Amino acid sequence: EKRQYWLAKICGRIFDIFKKGNIIVDKDELRSELELY
């Protein structure tokens, strides 16, 4: 399902951010990804 894929992608992004120790999120990049759905 599209929603599950979307949730998995966001969780993966959040996990990557915490793994790098960088909590700053590029809001423009995130917004552009959200607009795809």
N, C-alpha and C. Protein backbone atom coordinates (compact mmCIF):
# COMPACT_ATOMS: atom_id res chain seq x y z
N GLU A 1 0.85 -1.20 0.00
CA GLU A 1 0.00 0.00 0.00
C GLU A 1 0.88 1.26 0.00
N LYS A 2 0.40 2.28 -0.67
CA LYS A 2 1.20 3.50 -0.81
C LYS A 2 1.51 4.13 0.54
N ARG A 3 0.53 4.12 1.43
CA ARG A 3 0.73 4.76 2.73
C ARG A 3 1.81 4.04 3.53
N GLN A 4 1.82 2.71 3.47
CA GLN A 4 2.84 1.96 4.19
C GLN A 4 4.22 2.28 3.65
N TYR A 5 4.33 2.38 2.32
CA TYR A 5 5.61 2.71 1.71
C TYR A 5 6.07 4.09 2.16
N TRP A 6 5.12 5.04 2.20
CA TRP A 6 5.41 6.41 2.61
C TRP A 6 5.89 6.45 4.06
N LEU A 7 5.20 5.71 4.94
CA LEU A 7 5.59 5.67 6.35
C LEU A 7 6.97 5.05 6.51
N ALA A 8 7.22 3.97 5.77
CA ALA A 8 8.52 3.31 5.86
C ALA A 8 9.62 4.25 5.40
N LYS A 9 9.34 5.03 4.36
CA LYS A 9 10.34 5.96 3.83
C LYS A 9 10.65 7.04 4.86
N ILE A 10 9.61 7.56 5.50
CA ILE A 10 9.83 8.61 6.52
C ILE A 10 10.57 8.05 7.73
N CYS A 11 10.19 6.84 8.15
CA CYS A 11 10.88 6.22 9.28
C CYS A 11 12.35 5.99 8.94
N GLY A 12 12.59 5.56 7.71
CA GLY A 12 13.97 5.35 7.27
C GLY A 12 14.76 6.64 7.29
N ARG A 13 14.13 7.71 6.84
CA ARG A 13 14.80 9.02 6.84
C ARG A 13 15.12 9.46 8.26
N ILE A 14 14.15 9.29 9.17
CA ILE A 14 14.35 9.68 10.57
C ILE A 14 15.48 8.85 11.17
N PHE A 15 15.49 7.54 10.87
CA PHE A 15 16.53 6.66 11.39
C PHE A 15 17.90 7.10 10.89
N ASP A 16 17.99 7.46 9.60
CA ASP A 16 19.26 7.93 9.04
C ASP A 16 19.72 9.19 9.75
N ILE A 17 18.79 10.09 10.01
CA ILE A 17 19.13 11.36 10.66
C ILE A 17 19.70 11.09 12.06
N PHE A 18 19.03 10.22 12.83
CA PHE A 18 19.51 9.94 14.18
C PHE A 18 20.83 9.18 14.14
N LYS A 19 21.01 8.31 13.14
CA LYS A 19 22.23 7.54 13.02
C LYS A 19 23.43 8.47 12.79
N LYS A 20 23.20 9.51 12.00
CA LYS A 20 24.28 10.46 11.72
C LYS A 20 24.47 11.44 12.87
N GLY A 21 23.52 11.45 13.82
CA GLY A 21 23.61 12.39 14.92
C GLY A 21 23.25 13.80 14.49
N ASN A 22 22.61 13.92 13.34
CA ASN A 22 22.22 15.23 12.82
C ASN A 22 20.70 15.35 12.91
N ILE A 23 20.24 16.17 13.83
CA ILE A 23 18.80 16.28 14.07
C ILE A 23 18.18 17.37 13.20
N ILE A 24 19.05 18.16 12.54
CA ILE A 24 18.53 19.22 11.68
C ILE A 24 17.98 18.59 10.40
N VAL A 25 16.71 18.85 10.13
CA VAL A 25 16.08 18.29 8.93
C VAL A 25 15.95 19.38 7.88
N ASP A 26 16.31 19.03 6.66
CA ASP A 26 16.15 19.98 5.56
C ASP A 26 14.67 20.04 5.22
N LYS A 27 13.99 21.08 5.70
CA LYS A 27 12.54 21.15 5.54
C LYS A 27 12.12 21.23 4.09
N ASP A 28 12.92 21.91 3.27
CA ASP A 28 12.56 22.02 1.85
C ASP A 28 12.63 20.66 1.18
N GLU A 29 13.66 19.89 1.52
CA GLU A 29 13.80 18.56 0.93
C GLU A 29 12.65 17.67 1.38
N LEU A 30 12.32 17.74 2.67
CA LEU A 30 11.24 16.92 3.21
C LEU A 30 9.91 17.31 2.57
N ARG A 31 9.70 18.61 2.41
CA ARG A 31 8.44 19.08 1.82
C ARG A 31 8.33 18.60 0.38
N SER A 32 9.43 18.65 -0.36
CA SER A 32 9.38 18.20 -1.76
C SER A 32 9.05 16.72 -1.83
N GLU A 33 9.55 15.93 -0.88
CA GLU A 33 9.22 14.50 -0.86
C GLU A 33 7.76 14.29 -0.51
N LEU A 34 7.24 15.09 0.44
CA LEU A 34 5.85 14.94 0.84
C LEU A 34 4.91 15.30 -0.30
N GLU A 35 5.32 16.27 -1.11
CA GLU A 35 4.46 16.70 -2.21
C GLU A 35 4.33 15.63 -3.29
N LEU A 36 5.24 14.66 -3.29
CA LEU A 36 5.15 13.59 -4.28
C LEU A 36 3.95 12.70 -4.02
N TYR A 37 3.43 12.72 -2.80
CA TYR A 37 2.35 11.78 -2.45
C TYR A 37 1.01 12.44 -2.41
